[in-house]
Amino acid sequence: MGEFDLIERFFWRPAGQGPRRAVVGNGDDCAVIAPAPGMHLAISTDTLVEGRHFLSTVDPTRLGHKALAVNLSDLAACGAQPLAFTLALTLPHANEAWLAGFAQGLLALADVHDCELIGGDTTAGPLAIGITVMGEVPAGQTLLRSGARAGDDLWISGWPGLARLALEAFRDTLQPALPTDDFDTARRAMECPEPRVALGLALRGVASAAIDVSDGLLGDLAHLLRRSRVGAAVVLDALPVHPVLGQRPLAQQHDCLLAGGDDYELVFTAPATHRARILALSDSLGLPLTRIGAITATLGLQLLQGELDAWPDDDTPPQPVPNRWTSFDHFKS
């Protein structure tokens, strides 16, 4: 099977199948898209490399899902509605069964979010997946990393930490080992994350800043704090702990929660006056949204224990942030 046969068989979608929002879509030298009047275009790119971002044993359907999900997560963090994406796929060989599963997972998630595959490239080489995703957001309503202000609440969505727990299970570092059902739960979180697109859209006009968690909660939060030129206090006892993770030793819970990465949850800040609105949003989306701390005028990151609302009157001194909880870096890790 040749390159162009591969594209037409697995990734070409005739008119009437899947989203059709591009003026010129897949099949020409360039795609042409036209954002709606009053909209800005939000663009993000991620690359997944076998052995670095995913295991060779991953189900190709889940891999197709995740490849697009991690990009949609970036749109969610900006409050952008998905519009279209391109796919650059490097393959060691054209395995038809693998391609069928990969395309199924990729395009199923694309249909859920009305996000059209409008072009890309295929080539031979070590397995790598590069996706560039485009979304649209009303002018002036983009969620950025730079909007956090002292006194804002700090929130996180969902159940962070499960993906890291699955990774450690694959590495065979967990003692005792995870029971089968718990491993399946953690593995699904790692291999099939759900991008929080609906949350990102709902946070327009509510959140002051946002970022998605791809490289670890504290590491990604540090990026937001740096851009906003503020600090933060994170209350360890306030972190949301999934029941599967809650059965592990406390030190392991903290490693997974604070430095796990691959969660693709949203960390966001918002004025304290929006607490009731955010809790109502949590109910309407059926998604846990947990207040885990506050933004401070003092630069840096503090880790605290105790009751969330007892700070800053609590006399408990902040804990230092261990180096192992800093952000993942491809060229330092």
C-alpha atoms as a PDB file:
ATOM      1  CA  MET A   1       0.000   0.000   0.000  1.00  0.00           C
ATOM      2  CA  GLY A   2       1.454   3.352  -1.053  1.00  0.00           C
ATOM      3  CA  GLU A   3       1.388   6.705   0.718  1.00  0.00           C
ATOM      4  CA  PHE A   4      -1.545   8.161  -1.186  1.00  0.00           C
ATOM      5  CA  ASP A   5      -3.560   4.946  -0.977  1.00  0.00           C
ATOM      6  CA  LEU A   6      -2.976   5.025   2.789  1.00  0.00           C
ATOM      7  CA  ILE A   7      -4.264   8.587   3.090  1.00  0.00           C
ATOM      8  CA  GLU A   8      -7.335   7.965   0.948  1.00  0.00           C
ATOM      9  CA  ARG A   9      -8.235   4.702   2.680  1.00  0.00           C
ATOM     10  CA  PHE A  10      -7.830   5.726   6.312  1.00  0.00           C
ATOM     11  CA  PHE A  11      -7.957   9.519   6.531  1.00  0.00           C
ATOM     12  CA  TRP A  12      -9.934  10.860   3.551  1.00  0.00           C
ATOM     13  CA  ARG A  13     -13.592  11.552   4.407  1.00  0.00           C
ATOM     14  CA  PRO A  14     -16.017  12.170   1.538  1.00  0.00           C
ATOM     15  CA  ALA A  15     -18.512  15.039   1.762  1.00  0.00           C
ATOM     16  CA  GLY A  16     -21.195  14.282   4.324  1.00  0.00           C
ATOM     17  CA  GLN A  17     -18.912  12.203   6.583  1.00  0.00           C
ATOM     18  CA  GLY A  18     -17.573  13.990   9.656  1.00  0.00           C
ATOM     19  CA  PRO A  19     -17.263  17.746  10.177  1.00  0.00           C
ATOM     20  CA  ARG A  20     -17.132  19.913   7.048  1.00  0.00           C
ATOM     21  CA  ARG A  21     -16.158  23.390   8.224  1.00  0.00           C
ATOM     22  CA  ALA A  22     -13.156  24.145   6.032  1.00  0.00           C
ATOM     23  CA  VAL A  23     -13.563  26.139   2.814  1.00  0.00           C
ATOM     24  CA  VAL A  24     -11.010  23.772   1.238  1.00  0.00           C
ATOM     25  CA  GLY A  25     -10.247  20.610   3.185  1.00  0.00           C
ATOM     26  CA  ASN A  26      -8.085  17.513   2.913  1.00  0.00           C
ATOM     27  CA  GLY A  27      -6.784  16.724  -0.573  1.00  0.00           C
ATOM     28  CA  ASP A  28      -5.322  19.989  -1.906  1.00  0.00           C
ATOM     29  CA  ASP A  29      -1.864  21.484  -1.430  1.00  0.00           C
ATOM     30  CA  CYS A  30      -3.280  23.741   1.300  1.00  0.00           C
ATOM     31  CA  ALA A  31      -6.435  23.692   3.358  1.00  0.00           C
ATOM     32  CA  VAL A  32      -8.395  26.919   3.623  1.00  0.00           C
ATOM     33  CA  ILE A  33     -10.381  27.792   6.741  1.00  0.00           C
ATOM     34  CA  ALA A  34     -12.428  30.870   7.560  1.00  0.00           C
ATOM     35  CA  PRO A  35     -13.088  31.672  11.234  1.00  0.00           C
ATOM     36  CA  ALA A  36     -16.478  33.185  11.926  1.00  0.00           C
ATOM     37  CA  PRO A  37     -16.713  36.997  12.152  1.00  0.00           C
ATOM     38  CA  GLY A  38     -15.469  38.315  15.490  1.00  0.00           C
ATOM     39  CA  MET A  39     -13.474  35.161  16.208  1.00  0.00           C
ATOM     40  CA  HIS A  40      -9.743  34.756  16.721  1.00  0.00           C
ATOM     41  CA  LEU A  41      -7.895  31.611  15.613  1.00  0.00           C
ATOM     42  CA  ALA A  42      -6.175  29.574  18.361  1.00  0.00           C
ATOM     43  CA  ILE A  43      -3.456  27.159  17.156  1.00  0.00           C
ATOM     44  CA  SER A  44      -1.424  24.520  19.009  1.00  0.00           C
ATOM     45  CA  THR A  45       0.947  21.699  18.035  1.00  0.00           C
ATOM     46  CA  ASP A  46       1.989  18.534  19.863  1.00  0.00           C
ATOM     47  CA  THR A  47       4.184  15.620  18.819  1.00  0.00           C
ATOM     48  CA  LEU A  48       3.953  12.109  20.270  1.00  0.00           C
ATOM     49  CA  VAL A  49       6.961   9.812  19.840  1.00  0.00           C
ATOM     50  CA  GLU A  50       6.907   6.071  20.508  1.00  0.00           C
ATOM     51  CA  GLY A  51       8.921   5.202  23.600  1.00  0.00           C
ATOM     52  CA  ARG A  52       8.834   8.787  24.817  1.00  0.00           C
ATOM     53  CA  HIS A  53       5.131   9.666  24.964  1.00  0.00           C
ATOM     54  CA  PHE A  54       3.499   6.266  24.571  1.00  0.00           C
ATOM     55  CA  LEU A  55       4.388   2.586  24.885  1.00  0.00           C
ATOM     56  CA  SER A  56       4.642   0.290  21.895  1.00  0.00           C
ATOM     57  CA  THR A  57       1.940  -1.918  23.472  1.00  0.00           C
ATOM     58  CA  VAL A  58      -0.769   0.775  23.466  1.00  0.00           C
ATOM     59  CA  ASP A  59      -3.938  -0.069  21.595  1.00  0.00           C
ATOM     60  CA  PRO A  60      -3.878   1.930  18.320  1.00  0.00           C
ATOM     61  CA  THR A  61      -7.484   3.085  18.800  1.00  0.00           C
ATOM     62  CA  ARG A  62      -6.572   4.608  22.149  1.00  0.00           C
ATOM     63  CA  LEU A  63      -3.424   6.102  20.657  1.00  0.00           C
ATOM     64  CA  GLY A  64      -5.462   7.801  17.916  1.00  0.00           C
ATOM     65  CA  HIS A  65      -7.769   9.208  20.584  1.00  0.00           C
ATOM     66  CA  LYS A  66      -4.915  10.450  22.753  1.00  0.00           C
ATOM     67  CA  ALA A  67      -3.001  12.002  19.865  1.00  0.00           C
ATOM     68  CA  LEU A  68      -5.885  14.374  19.208  1.00  0.00           C
ATOM     69  CA  ALA A  69      -6.965  14.669  22.867  1.00  0.00           C
ATOM     70  CA  VAL A  70      -3.680  16.216  24.011  1.00  0.00           C
ATOM     71  CA  ASN A  71      -4.065  18.924  21.366  1.00  0.00           C
ATOM     72  CA  LEU A  72      -7.715  19.557  22.157  1.00  0.00           C
ATOM     73  CA  SER A  73      -6.638  19.974  25.779  1.00  0.00           C
ATOM     74  CA  ASP A  74      -4.541  22.989  24.733  1.00  0.00           C
ATOM     75  CA  LEU A  75      -7.590  24.521  23.059  1.00  0.00           C
ATOM     76  CA  ALA A  76      -9.597  23.853  26.219  1.00  0.00           C
ATOM     77  CA  ALA A  77      -7.025  25.709  28.307  1.00  0.00           C
ATOM     78  CA  CYS A  78      -7.508  28.747  26.065  1.00  0.00           C
ATOM     79  CA  GLY A  79     -11.314  28.540  26.031  1.00  0.00           C
ATOM     80  CA  ALA A  80     -11.311  27.818  22.290  1.00  0.00           C
ATOM     81  CA  GLN A  81     -13.899  25.850  20.331  1.00  0.00           C
ATOM     82  CA  PRO A  82     -12.216  23.153  18.185  1.00  0.00           C
ATOM     83  CA  LEU A  83     -12.352  23.865  14.474  1.00  0.00           C
ATOM     84  CA  ALA A  84      -9.867  21.746  12.479  1.00  0.00           C
ATOM     85  CA  PHE A  85      -6.560  19.871  12.657  1.00  0.00           C
ATOM     86  CA  THR A  86      -3.723  18.527  10.533  1.00  0.00           C
ATOM     87  CA  LEU A  87      -1.941  15.202  10.978  1.00  0.00           C
ATOM     88  CA  ALA A  88       1.744  14.490  10.288  1.00  0.00           C
ATOM     89  CA  LEU A  89       2.207  10.735  10.648  1.00  0.00           C
ATOM     90  CA  THR A  90       5.600   9.009  10.508  1.00  0.00           C
ATOM     91  CA  LEU A  91       5.326   5.212  10.212  1.00  0.00           C
ATOM     92  CA  PRO A  92       7.940   2.453  10.181  1.00  0.00           C
ATOM     93  CA  HIS A  93       5.638   0.546   7.800  1.00  0.00           C
ATOM     94  CA  ALA A  94       2.031   0.665   6.601  1.00  0.00           C
ATOM     95  CA  ASN A  95       0.304  -1.806   8.922  1.00  0.00           C
ATOM     96  CA  GLU A  96      -3.324  -1.811   7.803  1.00  0.00           C
ATOM     97  CA  ALA A  97      -4.778  -3.219  11.029  1.00  0.00           C
ATOM     98  CA  TRP A  98      -2.862  -0.643  13.109  1.00  0.00           C
ATOM     99  CA  LEU A  99      -3.919   2.202  10.804  1.00  0.00           C
ATOM    100  CA  ALA A 100      -7.571   1.166  10.950  1.00  0.00           C
ATOM    101  CA  GLY A 101      -7.579   1.290  14.748  1.00  0.00           C
ATOM    102  CA  PHE A 102      -5.603   4.514  14.926  1.00  0.00           C
ATOM    103  CA  ALA A 103      -7.881   6.281  12.433  1.00  0.00           C
ATOM    104  CA  GLN A 104     -10.972   5.021  14.253  1.00  0.00           C
ATOM    105  CA  GLY A 105      -9.870   6.475  17.602  1.00  0.00           C
ATOM    106  CA  LEU A 106      -8.636   9.720  16.043  1.00  0.00           C
ATOM    107  CA  LEU A 107     -11.707  10.452  13.930  1.00  0.00           C
ATOM    108  CA  ALA A 108     -14.224   9.356  16.580  1.00  0.00           C
ATOM    109  CA  LEU A 109     -12.883  12.007  18.972  1.00  0.00           C
ATOM    110  CA  ALA A 110     -12.739  14.522  16.122  1.00  0.00           C
ATOM    111  CA  ASP A 111     -16.447  13.936  15.465  1.00  0.00           C
ATOM    112  CA  VAL A 112     -17.318  14.384  19.157  1.00  0.00           C
ATOM    113  CA  HIS A 113     -15.749  17.854  19.086  1.00  0.00           C
ATOM    114  CA  ASP A 114     -16.734  18.813  15.515  1.00  0.00           C
ATOM    115  CA  CYS A 115     -13.067  19.124  14.574  1.00  0.00           C
ATOM    116  CA  GLU A 116     -12.226  18.454  10.941  1.00  0.00           C
ATOM    117  CA  LEU A 117      -9.081  16.744   9.609  1.00  0.00           C
ATOM    118  CA  ILE A 118      -8.051  19.156   6.853  1.00  0.00           C
ATOM    119  CA  GLY A 119      -4.609  17.912   5.784  1.00  0.00           C
ATOM    120  CA  GLY A 120      -1.172  16.754   6.847  1.00  0.00           C
ATOM    121  CA  ASP A 121       1.627  14.485   5.718  1.00  0.00           C
ATOM    122  CA  THR A 122       2.781  10.870   5.890  1.00  0.00           C
ATOM    123  CA  THR A 123       6.336   9.604   5.736  1.00  0.00           C
ATOM    124  CA  ALA A 124       8.416   6.557   6.627  1.00  0.00           C
ATOM    125  CA  GLY A 125      10.515   6.430   9.787  1.00  0.00           C
ATOM    126  CA  PRO A 126      10.282   5.743  13.551  1.00  0.00           C
ATOM    127  CA  LEU A 127       6.683   6.010  14.745  1.00  0.00           C
ATOM    128  CA  ALA A 128       5.777   9.625  15.567  1.00  0.00           C
ATOM    129  CA  ILE A 129       2.517  11.561  15.448  1.00  0.00           C
ATOM    130  CA  GLY A 130       2.394  15.319  14.985  1.00  0.00           C
ATOM    131  CA  ILE A 131      -0.914  17.168  15.173  1.00  0.00           C
ATOM    132  CA  THR A 132      -1.627  20.860  14.752  1.00  0.00           C
ATOM    133  CA  VAL A 133      -5.058  21.842  15.984  1.00  0.00           C
ATOM    134  CA  MET A 134      -6.996  25.031  15.330  1.00  0.00           C
ATOM    135  CA  GLY A 135      -9.873  26.511  17.274  1.00  0.00           C
ATOM    136  CA  GLU A 136     -11.791  29.735  17.465  1.00  0.00           C
ATOM    137  CA  VAL A 137     -12.486  31.997  20.409  1.00  0.00           C
ATOM    138  CA  PRO A 138     -14.330  35.327  20.578  1.00  0.00           C
ATOM    139  CA  ALA A 139     -11.970  38.287  20.380  1.00  0.00           C
ATOM    140  CA  GLY A 140     -10.914  39.347  23.868  1.00  0.00           C
ATOM    141  CA  GLN A 141     -12.142  36.162  25.590  1.00  0.00           C
ATOM    142  CA  THR A 142      -9.093  33.904  25.242  1.00  0.00           C
ATOM    143  CA  LEU A 143      -7.988  32.289  28.504  1.00  0.00           C
ATOM    144  CA  LEU A 144      -4.281  32.924  29.014  1.00  0.00           C
ATOM    145  CA  ARG A 145      -1.605  31.971  31.523  1.00  0.00           C
ATOM    146  CA  SER A 146      -0.961  35.618  32.326  1.00  0.00           C
ATOM    147  CA  GLY A 147      -4.211  36.688  33.976  1.00  0.00           C
ATOM    148  CA  ALA A 148      -3.905  35.354  37.545  1.00  0.00           C
ATOM    149  CA  ARG A 149      -4.067  37.965  40.321  1.00  0.00           C
ATOM    150  CA  ALA A 150      -3.222  37.855  44.031  1.00  0.00           C
ATOM    151  CA  GLY A 151      -6.270  36.745  45.987  1.00  0.00           C
ATOM    152  CA  ASP A 152      -7.640  34.522  43.201  1.00  0.00           C
ATOM    153  CA  ASP A 153      -8.662  30.976  44.056  1.00  0.00           C
ATOM    154  CA  LEU A 154      -6.704  28.107  42.516  1.00  0.00           C
ATOM    155  CA  TRP A 155      -8.723  25.206  41.041  1.00  0.00           C
ATOM    156  CA  ILE A 156      -8.127  21.908  39.263  1.00  0.00           C
ATOM    157  CA  SER A 157     -10.505  19.713  37.281  1.00  0.00           C
ATOM    158  CA  GLY A 158     -11.011  15.974  37.490  1.00  0.00           C
ATOM    159  CA  TRP A 159      -8.759  13.394  39.108  1.00  0.00           C
ATOM    160  CA  PRO A 160      -5.069  14.099  38.441  1.00  0.00           C
ATOM    161  CA  GLY A 161      -2.429  11.483  39.214  1.00  0.00           C
ATOM    162  CA  LEU A 162      -3.933   8.333  37.701  1.00  0.00           C
ATOM    163  CA  ALA A 163      -1.830   8.466  34.535  1.00  0.00           C
ATOM    164  CA  ARG A 164       1.386   8.566  36.574  1.00  0.00           C
ATOM    165  CA  LEU A 165       0.131   5.663  38.669  1.00  0.00           C
ATOM    166  CA  ALA A 166      -0.383   3.625  35.487  1.00  0.00           C
ATOM    167  CA  LEU A 167       3.102   4.526  34.274  1.00  0.00           C
ATOM    168  CA  GLU A 168       4.633   3.300  37.529  1.00  0.00           C
ATOM    169  CA  ALA A 169       2.626   0.084  37.204  1.00  0.00           C
ATOM    170  CA  PHE A 170       4.076  -0.418  33.717  1.00  0.00           C
ATOM    171  CA  ARG A 171       7.541   0.249  35.163  1.00  0.00           C
ATOM    172  CA  ASP A 172       6.841  -2.392  37.852  1.00  0.00           C
ATOM    173  CA  THR A 173       7.798   0.002  40.656  1.00  0.00           C
ATOM    174  CA  LEU A 174       4.619  -0.336  42.727  1.00  0.00           C
ATOM    175  CA  GLN A 175       4.659  -2.378  45.912  1.00  0.00           C
ATOM    176  CA  PRO A 176       2.132  -3.852  46.342  1.00  0.00           C
ATOM    177  CA  ALA A 177       1.097  -4.123  42.694  1.00  0.00           C
ATOM    178  CA  LEU A 178      -2.182  -2.602  41.556  1.00  0.00           C
ATOM    179  CA  PRO A 179      -5.195  -4.937  41.499  1.00  0.00           C
ATOM    180  CA  THR A 180      -6.407  -5.633  37.945  1.00  0.00           C
ATOM    181  CA  ASP A 181      -9.467  -3.369  38.108  1.00  0.00           C
ATOM    182  CA  ASP A 182      -7.455  -0.491  39.564  1.00  0.00           C
ATOM    183  CA  PHE A 183      -4.779  -0.919  36.896  1.00  0.00           C
ATOM    184  CA  ASP A 184      -7.424  -0.824  34.160  1.00  0.00           C
ATOM    185  CA  THR A 185      -8.818   2.422  35.606  1.00  0.00           C
ATOM    186  CA  ALA A 186      -5.394   4.047  35.812  1.00  0.00           C
ATOM    187  CA  ARG A 187      -4.358   2.761  32.386  1.00  0.00           C
ATOM    188  CA  ARG A 188      -7.457   4.212  30.764  1.00  0.00           C
ATOM    189  CA  ALA A 189      -6.659   7.608  32.296  1.00  0.00           C
ATOM    190  CA  MET A 190      -3.144   7.382  30.857  1.00  0.00           C
ATOM    191  CA  GLU A 191      -4.024   6.104  27.396  1.00  0.00           C
ATOM    192  CA  CYS A 192      -7.414   7.696  26.782  1.00  0.00           C
ATOM    193  CA  PRO A 193      -7.609  11.143  28.448  1.00  0.00           C
ATOM    194  CA  GLU A 194     -10.712  13.276  28.001  1.00  0.00           C
ATOM    195  CA  PRO A 195      -9.941  16.839  26.882  1.00  0.00           C
ATOM    196  CA  ARG A 196     -11.880  19.352  29.019  1.00  0.00           C
ATOM    197  CA  VAL A 197     -13.217  21.331  26.071  1.00  0.00           C
ATOM    198  CA  ALA A 198     -16.655  21.977  27.570  1.00  0.00           C
ATOM    199  CA  LEU A 199     -15.042  23.248  30.768  1.00  0.00           C
ATOM    200  CA  GLY A 200     -12.714  25.569  28.862  1.00  0.00           C
ATOM    201  CA  LEU A 201     -15.627  27.098  26.983  1.00  0.00           C
ATOM    202  CA  ALA A 202     -17.609  27.541  30.200  1.00  0.00           C
ATOM    203  CA  LEU A 203     -14.672  29.249  31.927  1.00  0.00           C
ATOM    204  CA  ARG A 204     -14.698  32.206  29.524  1.00  0.00           C
ATOM    205  CA  GLY A 205     -15.482  35.228  31.651  1.00  0.00           C
ATOM    206  CA  VAL A 206     -15.073  33.179  34.843  1.00  0.00           C
ATOM    207  CA  ALA A 207     -11.426  32.129  35.029  1.00  0.00           C
ATOM    208  CA  SER A 208      -8.667  34.717  35.164  1.00  0.00           C
ATOM    209  CA  ALA A 209      -5.966  32.307  33.901  1.00  0.00           C
ATOM    210  CA  ALA A 210      -5.686  28.664  32.873  1.00  0.00           C
ATOM    211  CA  ILE A 211      -3.262  25.971  31.748  1.00  0.00           C
ATOM    212  CA  ASP A 212      -3.614  22.266  31.052  1.00  0.00           C
ATOM    213  CA  VAL A 213      -1.643  19.706  33.045  1.00  0.00           C
ATOM    214  CA  SER A 214       0.607  17.784  30.676  1.00  0.00           C
ATOM    215  CA  ASP A 215       3.955  17.804  32.521  1.00  0.00           C
ATOM    216  CA  GLY A 216       2.826  17.720  36.160  1.00  0.00           C
ATOM    217  CA  LEU A 217       0.583  19.923  38.307  1.00  0.00           C
ATOM    218  CA  LEU A 218       3.305  21.904  40.065  1.00  0.00           C
ATOM    219  CA  GLY A 219       5.468  22.245  36.978  1.00  0.00           C
ATOM    220  CA  ASP A 220       2.641  23.512  34.789  1.00  0.00           C
ATOM    221  CA  LEU A 221       1.337  25.739  37.566  1.00  0.00           C
ATOM    222  CA  ALA A 222       4.817  27.283  37.744  1.00  0.00           C
ATOM    223  CA  HIS A 223       4.490  28.285  34.063  1.00  0.00           C
ATOM    224  CA  LEU A 224       1.224  30.063  34.833  1.00  0.00           C
ATOM    225  CA  LEU A 225       2.692  31.816  37.867  1.00  0.00           C
ATOM    226  CA  ARG A 226       5.710  32.965  35.881  1.00  0.00           C
ATOM    227  CA  ARG A 227       3.555  34.465  33.130  1.00  0.00           C
ATOM    228  CA  SER A 228       1.241  36.132  35.653  1.00  0.00           C
ATOM    229  CA  ARG A 229       4.122  37.313  37.871  1.00  0.00           C
ATOM    230  CA  VAL A 230       2.477  35.992  41.035  1.00  0.00           C
ATOM    231  CA  GLY A 231       2.951  33.158  43.507  1.00  0.00           C
ATOM    232  CA  ALA A 232       0.657  30.456  44.847  1.00  0.00           C
ATOM    233  CA  ALA A 233      -0.081  28.443  47.952  1.00  0.00           C
ATOM    234  CA  VAL A 234      -1.213  24.850  47.329  1.00  0.00           C
ATOM    235  CA  VAL A 235      -2.876  23.047  50.232  1.00  0.00           C
ATOM    236  CA  LEU A 236      -1.911  19.380  50.040  1.00  0.00           C
ATOM    237  CA  ASP A 237      -4.899  18.193  52.043  1.00  0.00           C
ATOM    238  CA  ALA A 238      -7.247  19.864  49.547  1.00  0.00           C
ATOM    239  CA  LEU A 239      -6.005  17.934  46.493  1.00  0.00           C
ATOM    240  CA  PRO A 240      -8.618  15.640  44.887  1.00  0.00           C
ATOM    241  CA  VAL A 241      -7.596  12.006  45.375  1.00  0.00           C
ATOM    242  CA  HIS A 242      -9.251   9.353  43.211  1.00  0.00           C
ATOM    243  CA  PRO A 243     -10.254   6.253  45.233  1.00  0.00           C
ATOM    244  CA  VAL A 244      -7.747   4.121  43.292  1.00  0.00           C
ATOM    245  CA  LEU A 245      -4.906   6.509  44.101  1.00  0.00           C
ATOM    246  CA  GLY A 246      -6.159   6.946  47.652  1.00  0.00           C
ATOM    247  CA  GLN A 247      -5.217   3.334  48.449  1.00  0.00           C
ATOM    248  CA  ARG A 248      -1.539   4.022  47.818  1.00  0.00           C
ATOM    249  CA  PRO A 249       1.014   5.360  50.369  1.00  0.00           C
ATOM    250  CA  LEU A 250       0.766   9.111  50.951  1.00  0.00           C
ATOM    251  CA  ALA A 251       4.200   9.870  49.483  1.00  0.00           C
ATOM    252  CA  GLN A 252       3.234   8.032  46.306  1.00  0.00           C
ATOM    253  CA  GLN A 253      -0.068   9.920  46.151  1.00  0.00           C
ATOM    254  CA  HIS A 254       1.808  13.222  46.295  1.00  0.00           C
ATOM    255  CA  ASP A 255       4.287  12.141  43.605  1.00  0.00           C
ATOM    256  CA  CYS A 256       1.424  11.206  41.279  1.00  0.00           C
ATOM    257  CA  LEU A 257      -0.746  14.229  42.050  1.00  0.00           C
ATOM    258  CA  LEU A 258       1.919  16.907  41.956  1.00  0.00           C
ATOM    259  CA  ALA A 259       4.385  15.688  39.351  1.00  0.00           C
ATOM    260  CA  GLY A 260       2.610  12.959  37.418  1.00  0.00           C
ATOM    261  CA  GLY A 261       1.898  14.631  34.115  1.00  0.00           C
ATOM    262  CA  ASP A 262      -0.215  13.220  31.271  1.00  0.00           C
ATOM    263  CA  ASP A 263      -3.375  14.227  33.170  1.00  0.00           C
ATOM    264  CA  TYR A 264      -4.738  16.807  30.694  1.00  0.00           C
ATOM    265  CA  GLU A 265      -6.862  18.364  33.399  1.00  0.00           C
ATOM    266  CA  LEU A 266      -7.203  22.135  33.621  1.00  0.00           C
ATOM    267  CA  VAL A 267      -5.614  24.204  36.379  1.00  0.00           C
ATOM    268  CA  PHE A 268      -7.248  27.605  36.543  1.00  0.00           C
ATOM    269  CA  THR A 269      -7.571  30.675  38.729  1.00  0.00           C
ATOM    270  CA  ALA A 270     -10.661  32.747  39.417  1.00  0.00           C
ATOM    271  CA  PRO A 271     -11.772  35.496  41.787  1.00  0.00           C
ATOM    272  CA  ALA A 272     -13.184  34.206  45.075  1.00  0.00           C
ATOM    273  CA  THR A 273     -16.512  35.816  44.155  1.00  0.00           C
ATOM    274  CA  HIS A 274     -16.945  33.123  41.467  1.00  0.00           C
ATOM    275  CA  ARG A 275     -16.832  30.115  43.820  1.00  0.00           C
ATOM    276  CA  ALA A 276     -20.569  29.397  43.702  1.00  0.00           C
ATOM    277  CA  ARG A 277     -20.597  29.770  39.925  1.00  0.00           C
ATOM    278  CA  ILE A 278     -17.721  27.300  39.534  1.00  0.00           C
ATOM    279  CA  LEU A 279     -19.341  24.750  41.842  1.00  0.00           C
ATOM    280  CA  ALA A 280     -22.558  25.045  39.838  1.00  0.00           C
ATOM    281  CA  LEU A 281     -20.507  24.518  36.688  1.00  0.00           C
ATOM    282  CA  SER A 282     -19.023  21.382  38.254  1.00  0.00           C
ATOM    283  CA  ASP A 283     -22.529  20.026  38.801  1.00  0.00           C
ATOM    284  CA  SER A 284     -23.734  20.878  35.320  1.00  0.00           C
ATOM    285  CA  LEU A 285     -20.730  19.248  33.636  1.00  0.00           C
ATOM    286  CA  GLY A 286     -20.617  16.247  35.976  1.00  0.00           C
ATOM    287  CA  LEU A 287     -16.932  17.009  36.485  1.00  0.00           C
ATOM    288  CA  PRO A 288     -15.157  17.491  39.831  1.00  0.00           C
ATOM    289  CA  LEU A 289     -13.745  21.013  40.161  1.00  0.00           C
ATOM    290  CA  THR A 290     -11.662  21.312  43.307  1.00  0.00           C
ATOM    291  CA  ARG A 291     -10.314  24.448  44.980  1.00  0.00           C
ATOM    292  CA  ILE A 292      -6.752  23.600  46.013  1.00  0.00           C
ATOM    293  CA  GLY A 293      -5.224  26.907  47.092  1.00  0.00           C
ATOM    294  CA  ALA A 294      -4.831  30.575  46.323  1.00  0.00           C
ATOM    295  CA  ILE A 295      -2.742  32.999  44.314  1.00  0.00           C
ATOM    296  CA  THR A 296      -0.349  35.170  46.328  1.00  0.00           C
ATOM    297  CA  ALA A 297       1.473  38.414  45.687  1.00  0.00           C
ATOM    298  CA  THR A 298       4.680  36.818  46.984  1.00  0.00           C
ATOM    299  CA  LEU A 299       6.490  35.083  44.126  1.00  0.00           C
ATOM    300  CA  GLY A 300       7.153  31.370  44.374  1.00  0.00           C
ATOM    301  CA  LEU A 301       5.208  28.259  45.274  1.00  0.00           C
ATOM    302  CA  GLN A 302       4.262  27.267  48.820  1.00  0.00           C
ATOM    303  CA  LEU A 303       3.014  23.829  49.877  1.00  0.00           C
ATOM    304  CA  LEU A 304       0.788  23.877  52.956  1.00  0.00           C
ATOM    305  CA  GLN A 305      -1.064  21.299  55.034  1.00  0.00           C
ATOM    306  CA  GLY A 306      -4.252  21.624  57.017  1.00  0.00           C
ATOM    307  CA  GLU A 307      -7.642  23.156  56.282  1.00  0.00           C
ATOM    308  CA  LEU A 308      -7.902  25.069  53.016  1.00  0.00           C
ATOM    309  CA  ASP A 309      -9.705  28.049  54.523  1.00  0.00           C
ATOM    310  CA  ALA A 310      -7.427  28.198  57.588  1.00  0.00           C
ATOM    311  CA  TRP A 311      -4.632  29.653  55.457  1.00  0.00           C
ATOM    312  CA  PRO A 312      -3.050  32.221  55.779  1.00  0.00           C
ATOM    313  CA  ASP A 313      -3.761  32.377  59.549  1.00  0.00           C
ATOM    314  CA  ASP A 314      -2.469  28.863  60.151  1.00  0.00           C
ATOM    315  CA  ASP A 315       0.963  28.872  61.772  1.00  0.00           C
ATOM    316  CA  THR A 316       2.055  25.701  59.913  1.00  0.00           C
ATOM    317  CA  PRO A 317       5.196  26.620  57.932  1.00  0.00           C
ATOM    318  CA  PRO A 318       5.202  25.923  54.184  1.00  0.00           C
ATOM    319  CA  GLN A 319       7.054  22.867  52.909  1.00  0.00           C
ATOM    320  CA  PRO A 320       9.858  23.114  50.347  1.00  0.00           C
ATOM    321  CA  VAL A 321       9.047  21.827  46.857  1.00  0.00           C
ATOM    322  CA  PRO A 322      11.200  18.732  46.121  1.00  0.00           C
ATOM    323  CA  ASN A 323      13.119  18.789  42.836  1.00  0.00           C
ATOM    324  CA  ARG A 324      11.291  15.645  41.720  1.00  0.00           C
ATOM    325  CA  TRP A 325       8.060  17.654  41.583  1.00  0.00           C
ATOM    326  CA  THR A 326       9.322  20.205  39.079  1.00  0.00           C
ATOM    327  CA  SER A 327       8.132  20.258  35.490  1.00  0.00           C
ATOM    328  CA  PHE A 328       9.060  17.507  33.043  1.00  0.00           C
ATOM    329  CA  ASP A 329      11.662  18.581  30.481  1.00  0.00           C
ATOM    330  CA  HIS A 330      12.431  16.466  27.405  1.00  0.00           C
ATOM    331  CA  PHE A 331      16.061  17.563  27.377  1.00  0.00           C
ATOM    332  CA  LYS A 332      16.698  17.233  31.121  1.00  0.00           C
ATOM    333  CA  SER A 333      14.722  14.097  31.957  1.00  0.00           C
END
